[in-house]
Amino acid sequence: MQLAGCRVWTTTTKMRKKAISKDIYWLFEDDPVFAFEFSLAEALHKTVREIRKMDEWEFAAWSIYFARREQQRELAEKKGN
């Protein structure tokens, strides 16, 4: 037997989870810093929380490093074609 309150709670929880997922999805789409924090965390095998403790200089240096690496990859790809 299922209590009516449990069904409402479950439905509300599912709706909340869906709304949270949408919010996070749009953060990745709209905020390049947010997306980069996750990319950097993955590359350094750290958590996003650890990345956010990084000082601004180091964070900026990593950002520039990855941007240059991507730029070099694109240039090499163009030369190869």
C-alpha atoms as a PDB file:
ATOM      1  CA  MET A   1       0.000   0.000   0.000  1.00  0.00           C
ATOM      2  CA  GLN A   2       1.341   3.411  -0.950  1.00  0.00           C
ATOM      3  CA  LEU A   3       0.561   6.515   1.053  1.00  0.00           C
ATOM      4  CA  ALA A   4      -0.795   9.466  -0.882  1.00  0.00           C
ATOM      5  CA  GLY A   5       1.817  11.752   0.665  1.00  0.00           C
ATOM      6  CA  CYS A   6       4.639   9.513  -0.561  1.00  0.00           C
ATOM      7  CA  ARG A   7       3.354   9.656  -4.122  1.00  0.00           C
ATOM      8  CA  VAL A   8       3.192  13.450  -4.015  1.00  0.00           C
ATOM      9  CA  TRP A   9       6.662  13.621  -2.499  1.00  0.00           C
ATOM     10  CA  THR A  10       8.042  11.299  -5.179  1.00  0.00           C
ATOM     11  CA  THR A  11       6.461  13.335  -7.969  1.00  0.00           C
ATOM     12  CA  THR A  12       7.710  16.592  -6.465  1.00  0.00           C
ATOM     13  CA  THR A  13      11.202  15.157  -6.012  1.00  0.00           C
ATOM     14  CA  LYS A  14      11.296  13.986  -9.637  1.00  0.00           C
ATOM     15  CA  MET A  15      10.176  17.426 -10.800  1.00  0.00           C
ATOM     16  CA  ARG A  16      12.852  19.087  -8.663  1.00  0.00           C
ATOM     17  CA  LYS A  17      15.542  16.780 -10.006  1.00  0.00           C
ATOM     18  CA  LYS A  18      14.463  17.534 -13.561  1.00  0.00           C
ATOM     19  CA  ALA A  19      14.528  21.294 -12.880  1.00  0.00           C
ATOM     20  CA  ILE A  20      17.982  21.025 -11.294  1.00  0.00           C
ATOM     21  CA  SER A  21      19.243  19.020 -14.264  1.00  0.00           C
ATOM     22  CA  LYS A  22      17.974  21.680 -16.669  1.00  0.00           C
ATOM     23  CA  ASP A  23      19.614  24.438 -14.618  1.00  0.00           C
ATOM     24  CA  ILE A  24      22.944  22.610 -14.643  1.00  0.00           C
ATOM     25  CA  TYR A  25      22.635  21.901 -18.372  1.00  0.00           C
ATOM     26  CA  TRP A  26      22.159  25.616 -19.094  1.00  0.00           C
ATOM     27  CA  LEU A  27      25.058  26.549 -16.827  1.00  0.00           C
ATOM     28  CA  PHE A  28      27.326  24.426 -19.032  1.00  0.00           C
ATOM     29  CA  GLU A  29      25.850  26.089 -22.127  1.00  0.00           C
ATOM     30  CA  ASP A  30      25.904  29.687 -20.861  1.00  0.00           C
ATOM     31  CA  ASP A  31      28.882  29.911 -18.519  1.00  0.00           C
ATOM     32  CA  PRO A  32      32.250  28.969 -20.029  1.00  0.00           C
ATOM     33  CA  VAL A  33      34.003  29.317 -16.655  1.00  0.00           C
ATOM     34  CA  PHE A  34      31.609  26.812 -15.079  1.00  0.00           C
ATOM     35  CA  ALA A  35      32.244  24.366 -17.929  1.00  0.00           C
ATOM     36  CA  PHE A  36      36.010  24.911 -17.746  1.00  0.00           C
ATOM     37  CA  GLU A  37      36.047  24.176 -14.012  1.00  0.00           C
ATOM     38  CA  PHE A  38      34.718  20.703 -14.763  1.00  0.00           C
ATOM     39  CA  SER A  39      37.120  20.154 -17.669  1.00  0.00           C
ATOM     40  CA  LEU A  40      40.052  21.190 -15.527  1.00  0.00           C
ATOM     41  CA  ALA A  41      38.917  19.029 -12.620  1.00  0.00           C
ATOM     42  CA  GLU A  42      38.701  16.049 -14.958  1.00  0.00           C
ATOM     43  CA  ALA A  43      42.133  16.734 -16.479  1.00  0.00           C
ATOM     44  CA  LEU A  44      43.813  17.158 -13.081  1.00  0.00           C
ATOM     45  CA  HIS A  45      41.888  14.326 -11.404  1.00  0.00           C
ATOM     46  CA  LYS A  46      40.522  16.720  -8.796  1.00  0.00           C
ATOM     47  CA  THR A  47      37.071  17.760  -7.673  1.00  0.00           C
ATOM     48  CA  VAL A  48      35.484  21.024  -8.759  1.00  0.00           C
ATOM     49  CA  ARG A  49      35.637  22.084  -5.108  1.00  0.00           C
ATOM     50  CA  GLU A  50      39.424  21.642  -5.182  1.00  0.00           C
ATOM     51  CA  ILE A  51      39.651  23.590  -8.442  1.00  0.00           C
ATOM     52  CA  ARG A  52      37.668  26.458  -6.921  1.00  0.00           C
ATOM     53  CA  LYS A  53      40.234  26.694  -4.093  1.00  0.00           C
ATOM     54  CA  MET A  54      42.934  27.361  -6.682  1.00  0.00           C
ATOM     55  CA  ASP A  55      44.225  30.948  -6.748  1.00  0.00           C
ATOM     56  CA  GLU A  56      43.203  33.183  -9.656  1.00  0.00           C
ATOM     57  CA  TRP A  57      46.650  33.220 -11.243  1.00  0.00           C
ATOM     58  CA  GLU A  58      46.905  29.432 -11.452  1.00  0.00           C
ATOM     59  CA  PHE A  59      43.323  29.116 -12.719  1.00  0.00           C
ATOM     60  CA  ALA A  60      44.002  31.724 -15.430  1.00  0.00           C
ATOM     61  CA  ALA A  61      47.267  30.017 -16.369  1.00  0.00           C
ATOM     62  CA  TRP A  62      45.492  26.667 -16.812  1.00  0.00           C
ATOM     63  CA  SER A  63      42.809  28.353 -18.901  1.00  0.00           C
ATOM     64  CA  ILE A  64      45.412  29.902 -21.188  1.00  0.00           C
ATOM     65  CA  TYR A  65      47.336  26.633 -21.373  1.00  0.00           C
ATOM     66  CA  PHE A  66      44.274  24.701 -22.575  1.00  0.00           C
ATOM     67  CA  ALA A  67      43.271  27.476 -25.002  1.00  0.00           C
ATOM     68  CA  ARG A  68      46.769  27.486 -26.533  1.00  0.00           C
ATOM     69  CA  ARG A  69      46.821  23.705 -26.723  1.00  0.00           C
ATOM     70  CA  GLU A  70      43.507  23.735 -28.590  1.00  0.00           C
ATOM     71  CA  GLN A  71      44.753  26.500 -30.887  1.00  0.00           C
ATOM     72  CA  GLN A  72      47.911  24.514 -31.684  1.00  0.00           C
ATOM     73  CA  ARG A  73      45.824  21.420 -32.389  1.00  0.00           C
ATOM     74  CA  GLU A  74      43.610  23.382 -34.783  1.00  0.00           C
ATOM     75  CA  LEU A  75      46.624  24.858 -36.583  1.00  0.00           C
ATOM     76  CA  ALA A  76      48.221  21.435 -36.948  1.00  0.00           C
ATOM     77  CA  GLU A  77      44.933  20.083 -38.286  1.00  0.00           C
ATOM     78  CA  LYS A  78      44.731  22.877 -40.878  1.00  0.00           C
ATOM     79  CA  LYS A  79      48.314  22.242 -41.981  1.00  0.00           C
ATOM     80  CA  GLY A  80      47.533  18.560 -42.371  1.00  0.00           C
ATOM     81  CA  ASN A  81      44.622  19.238 -44.768  1.00  0.00           C
END
